[in-house]
């Protein structure tokens, strides 16, 4: 069709020539006139060719500058330039959580059962000038904090800034990140909350730094064989998420912490398929904290079960270590880690004497999963082979999960009067099981049960009793895009 449009103007010119100049005129004058007309015709054809080429260039230029807009289950809603140098992607997720604290035949635990919008997050991310990625994630859900260790329900709704960072990825093996983001420490905490096996983090999350403000250098080496990350952060208490989420407040202005992590997948480049999903890592953090920026520790149901005495202060170095690993093979997944957290504490006692110590608290957890419908298990969640569709007898993907863990506080904390055994537990042990149903990439339903037993620390019993066992049923409805 394009060729036809190119030929039509030429045909029209020839027809015009033939009409006004008969071809049988053979006089010298007529011949000269015909030659002139042919010269004019060639010039007009040349002009038409240039016009056609210009139109083609304009069309190509217009197409090359048209933004690419997408909207699908995998990528959400996005717009980007054809060269990929600029992009904007809008996404987010909502998690509605139902918690039911059940009777354990020893009396009610006392914490309020509830249905809450646990996480409501908008995600704005993209690329600028090819080498810079940005990510902003505000939180509109429940802050999940308690006003005190004796409170029986979380405090009111709040808005918080979970993430706000910029990546400079000019060198893929050495990416610089600046802003507020997850510190490179706890393996489960670094996992996207949409993909964790259970709604809340395990007991190791109590002793780990969560999100913080800082600068980080990270990268992947030798085809993802080695992953590393290290940075300097504002510093915060265990479980603290500065300026958002579960937080005890900003720390001392001079409080800084260094955090580093290395994670190796030793068999990823081999032909040993059964071991290609093995990853082993180690993380460490070191900082100096001073003041009353001390944490409250919680149960899987997020009920507070430990707090330091009101006169206790952070007084110096804090060091955390975490050996960690995961293993994924076909439908099987296992995640395990241990966290040790040692912090120097002090308080002023009788006669204005200062008491100091460096207690070490320890926690571990093991989480297992198995996808019943045959899809691959992974650190980044499960993708159903077939979306839920009754008419086609497709039911999505089903995953069984289980978890066990322990959090143990140093005995010197109580013997040196940094905390009170009558109100704070010395140990908690938990186990749980559940099922996750992935209807498609965007919708997940989950139900699980966790039982947690305690040693001492009974605000709702006699002073020397063990705290009543927490039997927790949790339901989750998640929509993400």
Protein backbone atom coordinates (compact mmCIF):
# COMPACT_ATOMS: atom_id res chain seq x y z
CA UNK A 1 0.00 0.00 0.00
CA UNK A 2 2.88 2.41 0.82
CA UNK A 3 4.40 1.74 -2.61
CA UNK A 4 1.06 2.56 -4.25
CA UNK A 5 0.96 5.97 -2.57
CA UNK A 6 4.48 6.66 -3.75
CA UNK A 7 3.63 5.82 -7.38
CA UNK A 8 0.30 7.72 -7.61
CA UNK A 9 1.84 11.26 -7.68
CA UNK A 10 4.21 10.22 -10.45
CA UNK A 11 1.36 8.74 -12.48
CA UNK A 12 -0.63 11.94 -12.02
CA UNK A 13 2.21 14.06 -13.33
CA UNK A 14 2.68 11.83 -16.37
CA UNK A 15 -1.04 11.95 -17.10
CA UNK A 16 -0.99 15.73 -16.91
CA UNK A 17 1.90 15.83 -19.36
CA UNK A 18 0.22 13.53 -21.85
CA UNK A 19 -3.03 15.50 -21.79
CA UNK A 20 -1.49 18.88 -22.50
CA UNK A 21 1.30 17.74 -24.85
CA UNK A 22 0.39 15.15 -27.53
CA UNK A 23 3.08 12.54 -28.01
CA UNK A 24 2.71 12.62 -31.84
CA UNK A 25 3.97 16.22 -32.10
CA UNK A 26 7.39 15.74 -33.73
CA UNK A 27 8.42 19.27 -34.61
CA UNK A 28 11.76 20.57 -33.20
CA UNK A 29 9.89 23.05 -30.99
CA UNK A 30 7.62 20.33 -29.60
CA UNK A 31 10.64 18.07 -28.92
CA UNK A 32 12.39 20.78 -26.94
CA UNK A 33 9.23 21.40 -24.96
CA UNK A 34 8.92 17.70 -24.20
CA UNK A 35 12.52 17.54 -22.92
CA UNK A 36 11.85 20.53 -20.66
CA UNK A 37 8.73 18.90 -19.33
CA UNK A 38 10.68 15.67 -18.59
CA UNK A 39 13.29 17.69 -16.68
CA UNK A 40 10.55 19.34 -14.65
CA UNK A 41 9.02 15.93 -14.03
CA UNK A 42 12.31 14.56 -12.66
CA UNK A 43 12.62 17.52 -10.31
CA UNK A 44 9.07 17.01 -9.04
CA UNK A 45 9.73 13.29 -8.52
CA UNK A 46 12.89 14.13 -6.53
CA UNK A 47 10.92 16.56 -4.37
CA UNK A 48 8.20 13.94 -3.74
CA UNK A 49 10.85 11.38 -2.71
CA UNK A 50 12.34 13.81 -0.19
CA UNK A 51 8.89 14.54 1.24
CA UNK A 52 8.16 10.81 1.59
CA UNK A 53 11.50 10.23 3.36
CA UNK A 54 10.88 13.18 5.70
CA UNK A 55 7.45 11.81 6.61
CA UNK A 56 9.02 8.41 7.31
CA UNK A 57 11.65 10.00 9.60
CA UNK A 58 8.98 11.96 11.47
CA UNK A 59 6.94 8.78 12.00
CA UNK A 60 10.01 6.86 13.26
CA UNK A 61 11.00 9.68 15.60
CA UNK A 62 7.48 9.84 16.99
CA UNK A 63 7.43 6.11 17.63
CA UNK A 64 10.86 6.18 19.34
CA UNK A 65 9.70 8.79 21.86
CA UNK A 66 6.35 7.24 22.73
CA UNK A 67 6.32 6.04 26.38
CA UNK A 68 5.73 2.32 27.01
CA UNK A 69 2.76 1.79 29.34
CA UNK A 70 2.08 -1.58 30.96
CA UNK A 71 -0.42 -2.97 33.45
CA UNK A 72 -0.24 -6.64 34.35
CA UNK A 73 -0.13 -9.08 37.24
CA UNK A 74 3.66 -9.27 37.27
CA UNK A 75 4.73 -5.64 36.90
CA UNK A 76 1.74 -3.69 38.20
CA UNK A 77 1.21 -0.30 36.61
CA UNK A 78 4.25 1.23 34.95
CA UNK A 79 5.38 3.72 32.36
CA UNK A 80 8.88 3.94 30.93
CA UNK A 81 10.83 5.51 28.10
CA UNK A 82 11.63 3.31 25.07
CA UNK A 83 15.34 3.35 25.92
CA UNK A 84 14.62 2.28 29.50
CA UNK A 85 16.49 5.22 31.01
CA UNK A 86 13.42 6.58 32.80
CA UNK A 87 10.57 4.69 34.42
CA UNK A 88 7.83 4.96 37.01
CA UNK A 89 6.08 1.99 38.56
CA UNK A 90 3.15 2.13 40.98
CA UNK A 91 2.36 -0.82 43.20
CA UNK A 92 1.60 -1.77 46.76
CA UNK A 93 -0.13 -4.26 48.97
CA UNK A 94 -2.69 -4.62 51.72
CA UNK A 95 -2.67 -7.26 54.45
CA UNK A 96 -5.81 -7.65 56.53
CA UNK A 97 -4.99 -9.75 59.59
CA UNK A 98 -7.30 -11.44 62.09
CA UNK A 99 -5.80 -12.45 65.44
CA UNK A 100 -7.56 -14.71 67.89
CA UNK A 101 -5.94 -15.39 71.28
CA UNK A 102 -7.47 -18.69 72.37
CA UNK A 103 -8.18 -20.11 75.83
CA UNK A 104 -5.45 -22.56 76.87
CA UNK A 105 -7.47 -24.13 79.71
CA UNK A 106 -5.54 -21.99 82.21
CA UNK A 107 -7.58 -18.87 81.62
CA UNK A 108 -7.63 -16.20 78.97
CA UNK A 109 -4.31 -14.60 78.15
CA UNK A 110 -5.91 -11.19 78.28
CA UNK A 111 -4.85 -9.74 74.94
CA UNK A 112 -7.47 -8.38 72.62
CA UNK A 113 -8.46 -10.47 69.62
CA UNK A 114 -8.86 -8.21 66.61
CA UNK A 115 -9.10 -7.74 62.86
CA UNK A 116 -6.71 -5.05 61.68
CA UNK A 117 -5.25 -3.69 58.43
CA UNK A 118 -1.77 -4.83 59.48
CA UNK A 119 0.06 -3.46 56.45
CA UNK A 120 -1.28 -0.99 53.88
CA UNK A 121 1.61 0.15 51.72
CA UNK A 122 1.94 2.16 48.52
CA UNK A 123 5.10 1.49 46.50
CA UNK A 124 6.50 4.11 44.13
CA UNK A 125 9.66 3.05 42.32
CA UNK A 126 11.53 3.49 39.07
CA UNK A 127 14.67 4.65 37.29
CA UNK A 128 16.12 8.06 36.48
CA UNK A 129 18.92 8.70 33.96
CA UNK A 130 19.55 4.95 33.52
CA UNK A 131 21.90 4.58 36.49
CA UNK A 132 19.70 5.66 39.41
CA UNK A 133 16.85 3.66 40.95
CA UNK A 134 14.46 5.12 43.51
CA UNK A 135 11.99 3.51 45.91
CA UNK A 136 9.42 5.08 48.26
CA UNK A 137 7.10 3.06 50.49
CA UNK A 138 4.78 4.82 52.96
CA UNK A 139 2.78 2.80 55.50
CA UNK A 140 -0.90 3.47 56.22
CA UNK A 141 -1.64 0.34 58.26
CA UNK A 142 -1.52 -0.49 61.94
CA UNK A 143 1.73 0.61 63.64
CA UNK A 144 1.54 -2.52 65.83
CA UNK A 145 3.01 -0.87 68.94
CA UNK A 146 1.89 -1.20 72.55
CA UNK A 147 1.97 1.65 75.04
CA UNK A 148 3.41 -0.57 77.79
CA UNK A 149 4.13 -4.15 78.73
CA UNK A 150 0.76 -4.39 80.49
CA UNK A 151 -1.27 -2.98 77.58
CA UNK A 152 -3.72 -5.50 76.11
CA UNK A 153 -4.24 -3.95 72.66
CA UNK A 154 -2.07 -2.11 70.12
CA UNK A 155 -2.17 1.68 69.96
CA UNK A 156 -4.08 3.63 67.33
CA UNK A 157 -3.52 3.88 63.60
CA UNK A 158 -0.59 5.85 62.27
CA UNK A 159 1.20 6.82 59.09
CA UNK A 160 4.89 6.02 58.73
CA UNK A 161 7.62 6.09 56.11
CA UNK A 162 8.92 2.55 55.75
CA UNK A 163 11.35 3.06 52.87
CA UNK A 164 12.79 5.98 50.93
CA UNK A 165 16.04 5.29 49.13
CA UNK A 166 18.11 5.95 46.03
CA UNK A 167 20.43 3.43 44.31
CA UNK A 168 23.38 4.43 42.14
CA UNK A 169 23.97 1.29 40.06
CA UNK A 170 26.61 2.51 37.60
CA UNK A 171 28.81 -0.41 38.71
CA UNK A 172 26.53 -3.46 39.14
CA UNK A 173 29.07 -5.13 41.42
CA UNK A 174 29.21 -2.05 43.70
CA UNK A 175 25.83 -0.38 44.10
CA UNK A 176 25.57 2.62 46.44
CA UNK A 177 22.29 3.00 48.33
CA UNK A 178 21.33 6.07 50.38
CA UNK A 179 18.19 6.65 52.43
CA UNK A 180 15.96 4.61 54.73
CA UNK A 181 15.75 0.88 54.07
CA UNK A 182 16.16 -2.57 55.63
CA UNK A 183 19.58 -3.01 57.20
CA UNK A 184 21.59 -5.93 55.73
CA UNK A 185 21.35 -8.25 58.72
CA UNK A 186 18.40 -10.53 59.48
CA UNK A 187 17.70 -13.08 56.70
CA UNK A 188 13.95 -13.25 57.34
CA UNK A 189 13.61 -9.50 57.77
CA UNK A 190 15.33 -8.92 54.41
CA UNK A 191 12.66 -11.07 52.77
CA UNK A 192 9.75 -9.12 51.29
CA UNK A 193 6.87 -9.22 53.80
CA UNK A 194 4.56 -10.41 51.04
CA UNK A 195 6.59 -13.62 50.73
CA UNK A 196 7.29 -14.59 54.35
CA UNK A 197 5.86 -17.94 55.45
CA UNK A 198 4.07 -16.37 58.44
CA UNK A 199 2.42 -12.99 58.87
CA UNK A 200 4.90 -11.79 61.52
CA UNK A 201 8.65 -12.30 61.80
CA UNK A 202 10.01 -15.11 63.96
CA UNK A 203 11.66 -14.62 67.35
CA UNK A 204 15.03 -13.70 65.82
CA UNK A 205 13.38 -10.48 64.62
CA UNK A 206 13.29 -9.33 68.25
CA UNK A 207 17.07 -9.01 68.38
CA UNK A 208 17.71 -7.68 64.88
CA UNK A 209 17.88 -4.12 63.55
CA UNK A 210 14.96 -3.56 61.20
CA UNK A 211 14.99 -0.44 58.99
CA UNK A 212 17.36 2.45 59.47
CA UNK A 213 18.69 5.58 57.76
CA UNK A 214 22.15 5.32 56.25
CA UNK A 215 24.41 4.62 53.28
CA UNK A 216 25.26 1.14 51.99
CA UNK A 217 27.56 -0.49 49.44
CA UNK A 218 26.34 -3.81 48.03
CA UNK A 219 26.72 -6.05 45.03
CA UNK A 220 26.63 -9.47 43.46
CA UNK A 221 29.84 -11.16 42.30
CA UNK A 222 30.64 -14.08 40.00
CA UNK A 223 27.13 -14.55 38.66
CA UNK A 224 25.32 -14.32 42.03
CA UNK A 225 27.79 -16.69 43.70
CA UNK A 226 28.64 -14.08 46.34
CA UNK A 227 26.35 -11.33 47.58
CA UNK A 228 27.62 -8.71 49.99
CA UNK A 229 26.32 -5.57 51.69
CA UNK A 230 27.78 -3.20 54.23
CA UNK A 231 26.89 0.23 55.46
CA UNK A 232 26.87 2.91 58.13
CA UNK A 233 23.51 3.69 59.73
CA UNK A 234 21.97 6.08 62.22
CA UNK A 235 21.79 3.23 64.75
CA UNK A 236 18.86 1.85 66.68
CA UNK A 237 17.76 -0.61 69.31
CA UNK A 238 16.83 -4.24 68.71
CA UNK A 239 13.67 -4.56 66.58
CA UNK A 240 13.69 -0.82 65.99
CA UNK A 241 12.42 0.69 62.74
CA UNK A 242 13.45 4.32 62.96
CA UNK A 243 10.62 6.76 62.17
CA UNK A 244 8.09 4.07 61.32
CA UNK A 245 6.58 0.76 62.37
CA UNK A 246 7.64 -0.78 65.69
CA UNK A 247 9.99 1.81 67.15
CA UNK A 248 11.20 3.04 70.51
CA UNK A 249 12.09 6.41 69.02
CA UNK A 250 15.18 7.95 67.43
CA UNK A 251 18.43 7.18 69.20
CA UNK A 252 21.14 9.44 70.52
CA UNK A 253 22.30 11.91 67.79
CA UNK A 254 25.83 10.52 68.07
CA UNK A 255 24.70 6.91 67.89
CA UNK A 256 25.93 5.23 64.72
CA UNK A 257 26.21 1.60 63.70
CA UNK A 258 28.06 -0.37 61.08
CA UNK A 259 26.26 -3.38 59.59
CA UNK A 260 27.69 -5.92 57.15
CA UNK A 261 26.54 -9.17 55.58
CA UNK A 262 27.92 -11.75 53.16
CA UNK A 263 25.80 -14.48 51.58
CA UNK A 264 27.21 -17.26 49.42
CA UNK A 265 25.44 -19.71 47.11
CA UNK A 266 28.25 -22.24 46.74
CA UNK A 267 26.59 -24.56 44.21
CA UNK A 268 24.71 -22.10 42.03
CA UNK A 269 27.27 -22.44 39.20
CA UNK A 270 27.46 -26.23 39.33
CA UNK A 271 25.35 -28.96 37.71
CA UNK A 272 24.26 -30.27 41.10
CA UNK A 273 20.60 -29.30 40.86
CA UNK A 274 19.73 -30.55 44.34
CA UNK A 275 22.20 -28.08 45.92
CA UNK A 276 21.82 -25.07 43.64
CA UNK A 277 19.26 -23.53 46.00
CA UNK A 278 21.54 -23.58 49.04
CA UNK A 279 22.67 -20.26 50.50
CA UNK A 280 24.84 -19.63 53.57
CA UNK A 281 25.57 -16.28 55.15
CA UNK A 282 26.85 -14.36 58.12
CA UNK A 283 25.95 -10.86 59.33
CA UNK A 284 27.38 -8.58 61.99
CA UNK A 285 26.54 -5.15 63.39
CA UNK A 286 28.46 -2.90 65.75
CA UNK A 287 27.50 0.42 67.28
CA UNK A 288 27.58 2.52 70.39
CA UNK A 289 24.26 3.41 71.98
CA UNK A 290 23.63 5.73 74.89
CA UNK A 291 20.44 6.80 76.57
CA UNK A 292 16.99 5.28 76.99
CA UNK A 293 16.63 3.95 73.44
CA UNK A 294 15.97 0.38 74.58
CA UNK A 295 13.58 -2.16 73.03
CA UNK A 296 10.46 -3.98 74.13
CA UNK A 297 10.38 -7.60 72.98
CA UNK A 298 7.22 -9.30 71.73
CA UNK A 299 5.51 -12.62 71.04
CA UNK A 300 4.38 -13.93 67.63
CA UNK A 301 1.05 -12.28 68.46
CA UNK A 302 2.99 -9.00 68.93
CA UNK A 303 2.17 -8.84 72.66
CA UNK A 304 5.01 -7.25 74.70
CA UNK A 305 6.63 -9.69 77.14
CA UNK A 306 9.90 -8.02 78.17
CA UNK A 307 11.03 -4.51 79.05
CA UNK A 308 14.06 -3.16 80.91
CA UNK A 309 13.53 -1.33 84.19
CA UNK A 310 12.82 2.37 83.77
CA UNK A 311 16.19 3.50 85.20
CA UNK A 312 18.25 1.34 82.83
CA UNK A 313 20.20 3.05 80.05
CA UNK A 314 22.19 1.92 77.03
CA UNK A 315 25.80 2.69 77.94
CA UNK A 316 28.12 1.80 75.10
CA UNK A 317 28.98 -0.85 72.54
CA UNK A 318 26.41 -3.20 71.08
CA UNK A 319 27.39 -6.07 68.81
CA UNK A 320 25.08 -8.46 66.99
CA UNK A 321 26.00 -11.55 65.00
CA UNK A 322 23.86 -13.82 62.83
CA UNK A 323 24.80 -17.06 61.08
CA UNK A 324 22.04 -17.80 58.56
CA UNK A 325 21.09 -20.10 55.71
CA UNK A 326 18.31 -21.17 53.38
CA UNK A 327 17.72 -24.13 51.12
CA UNK A 328 15.20 -24.40 48.27
CA UNK A 329 14.77 -27.43 46.07
CA UNK A 330 11.68 -27.92 43.94
CA UNK A 331 8.69 -27.63 46.33
CA UNK A 332 10.75 -27.68 49.53
CA UNK A 333 11.99 -24.62 51.38
CA UNK A 334 13.95 -24.21 54.64
CA UNK A 335 15.13 -20.97 56.29
CA UNK A 336 17.20 -20.95 59.49
CA UNK A 337 19.12 -18.34 61.46
CA UNK A 338 20.47 -17.47 64.87
CA UNK A 339 21.01 -14.00 66.36
CA UNK A 340 23.19 -13.00 69.32
CA UNK A 341 22.83 -9.47 70.66
CA UNK A 342 25.22 -8.14 73.31
CA UNK A 343 24.77 -4.61 74.66
CA UNK A 344 26.39 -2.71 77.51
CA UNK A 345 23.81 -1.47 80.04
CA UNK A 346 23.96 0.66 83.19
CA UNK A 347 21.78 2.12 85.91
CA UNK A 348 22.30 4.23 89.02
CA UNK A 349 21.69 2.25 92.20
CA UNK A 350 21.79 2.84 95.91
CA UNK A 351 24.34 5.43 96.98
CA UNK A 352 24.57 6.76 93.44
CA UNK A 353 26.67 3.77 92.49
CA UNK A 354 26.58 2.78 88.82
CA UNK A 355 26.01 -0.84 87.88
CA UNK A 356 27.21 -2.00 84.49
CA UNK A 357 27.11 -5.24 82.55
CA UNK A 358 27.22 -6.63 79.00
CA UNK A 359 24.44 -9.23 78.82
CA UNK A 360 24.01 -11.30 75.66
CA UNK A 361 20.52 -12.27 74.47
CA UNK A 362 20.08 -15.10 71.99
CA UNK A 363 17.39 -16.23 69.56
CA UNK A 364 17.04 -18.85 66.83
CA UNK A 365 14.38 -20.01 64.42
CA UNK A 366 13.82 -22.62 61.72
CA UNK A 367 11.03 -22.23 59.15
CA UNK A 368 10.04 -24.92 56.67
CA UNK A 369 7.64 -24.94 53.73
CA UNK A 370 6.35 -27.37 51.14
CA UNK A 371 4.25 -26.48 48.07
CA UNK A 372 1.56 -29.16 47.81
CA UNK A 373 0.62 -28.33 44.21
CA UNK A 374 4.13 -28.85 42.84
CA UNK A 375 5.28 -25.28 42.16
CA UNK A 376 8.81 -24.27 43.11
CA UNK A 377 9.41 -22.90 46.59
CA UNK A 378 11.68 -19.85 46.74
CA UNK A 379 12.92 -17.00 48.93
CA UNK A 380 10.77 -14.70 46.76
CA UNK A 381 7.48 -16.49 47.22
CA UNK A 382 5.40 -18.97 45.23
CA UNK A 383 4.03 -18.32 41.74
CA UNK A 384 0.98 -20.51 40.96
CA UNK A 385 1.28 -22.61 37.84
CA UNK A 386 -2.40 -21.92 37.14
CA UNK A 387 -4.50 -19.03 38.48
CA UNK A 388 -7.61 -19.85 40.45
CA UNK A 389 -10.47 -20.54 38.02
CA UNK A 390 -13.32 -22.87 39.00
CA UNK A 391 -14.55 -23.24 35.41
CA UNK A 392 -11.16 -24.68 34.43
CA UNK A 393 -10.74 -26.68 37.65
CA UNK A 394 -7.69 -24.63 38.60
CA UNK A 395 -7.21 -23.86 42.29
CA UNK A 396 -3.97 -21.89 42.46
CA UNK A 397 -1.11 -23.06 44.70
CA UNK A 398 -1.19 -24.42 48.26
CA UNK A 399 1.77 -24.32 50.63
CA UNK A 400 2.21 -25.94 54.07
CA UNK A 401 4.45 -24.03 56.50
CA UNK A 402 5.90 -24.70 59.93
CA UNK A 403 8.14 -22.83 62.33
CA UNK A 404 9.93 -23.27 65.67
CA UNK A 405 12.05 -20.83 67.62
CA UNK A 406 13.40 -19.61 70.94
CA UNK A 407 14.32 -16.28 72.54
CA UNK A 408 16.41 -16.42 75.69
CA UNK A 409 17.50 -13.47 77.80
CA UNK A 410 20.81 -13.43 79.65
CA UNK A 411 20.36 -14.47 83.30
CA UNK A 412 22.59 -11.57 84.42
CA UNK A 413 19.87 -9.15 83.29
CA UNK A 414 17.73 -10.32 86.19
CA UNK A 415 20.46 -11.05 88.73
CA UNK A 416 21.89 -7.55 88.19
CA UNK A 417 18.41 -5.92 88.33
CA UNK A 418 18.28 -4.63 84.77
CA UNK A 419 14.83 -6.23 84.43
CA UNK A 420 12.25 -7.78 86.74
CA UNK A 421 11.34 -11.47 86.45
CA UNK A 422 7.92 -10.72 87.88
CA UNK A 423 7.00 -8.65 84.80
CA UNK A 424 9.44 -9.74 82.09
CA UNK A 425 9.96 -13.27 80.80
CA UNK A 426 13.39 -14.88 80.81
CA UNK A 427 12.62 -17.14 77.84
CA UNK A 428 9.98 -17.86 75.23
CA UNK A 429 9.64 -20.92 73.00
CA UNK A 430 7.29 -21.14 70.06
CA UNK A 431 6.15 -23.56 67.39
CA UNK A 432 3.55 -23.10 64.69
CA UNK A 433 2.03 -24.48 61.52
CA UNK A 434 -0.18 -23.11 58.77
CA UNK A 435 -1.29 -23.14 55.17
CA UNK A 436 -0.90 -20.47 52.47
CA UNK A 437 -3.20 -20.36 49.45
CA UNK A 438 -1.94 -18.42 46.42
CA UNK A 439 -4.95 -17.79 44.18
CA UNK A 440 -2.72 -15.97 41.68
CA UNK A 441 0.27 -13.66 41.70
CA UNK A 442 -1.72 -10.95 43.43
CA UNK A 443 -3.97 -12.65 45.99
CA UNK A 444 -2.88 -14.74 48.97
CA UNK A 445 -4.95 -16.19 51.82
CA UNK A 446 -3.34 -17.76 54.88
CA UNK A 447 -4.29 -19.40 58.16
CA UNK A 448 -1.90 -20.51 60.89
CA UNK A 449 -1.59 -21.43 64.55
CA UNK A 450 1.33 -20.68 66.88
CA UNK A 451 1.79 -21.69 70.49
CA UNK A 452 4.29 -19.81 72.67
CA UNK A 453 5.32 -20.82 76.17
CA UNK A 454 7.17 -18.58 78.64
CA UNK A 455 9.38 -18.78 81.67
CA UNK A 456 8.43 -16.34 84.43
CA UNK A 457 7.18 -12.80 83.77
CA UNK A 458 3.45 -12.99 84.51
CA UNK A 459 1.73 -9.59 84.71
CA UNK A 460 -1.65 -11.33 84.60
CA UNK A 461 -0.82 -13.97 87.22
CA UNK A 462 0.95 -14.20 90.55
CA UNK A 463 4.42 -12.67 90.58
CA UNK A 464 6.39 -15.90 90.52
CA UNK A 465 4.26 -17.68 87.89
CA UNK A 466 5.18 -18.37 84.32
CA UNK A 467 3.31 -16.19 81.91
CA UNK A 468 0.26 -17.92 80.49
CA UNK A 469 0.78 -19.75 77.23
CA UNK A 470 -0.14 -17.82 74.10
CA UNK A 471 -2.26 -19.84 71.67
CA UNK A 472 -2.66 -17.69 68.60
CA UNK A 473 -4.78 -18.25 65.51
CA UNK A 474 -4.01 -15.88 62.64
CA UNK A 475 -5.82 -15.31 59.36
CA UNK A 476 -4.44 -13.24 56.50
CA UNK A 477 -5.96 -11.80 53.33
CA UNK A 478 -3.35 -10.17 51.08
CA UNK A 479 -3.75 -8.22 47.85
CA UNK A 480 -0.57 -7.05 46.12
CA UNK A 481 0.22 -5.58 42.73
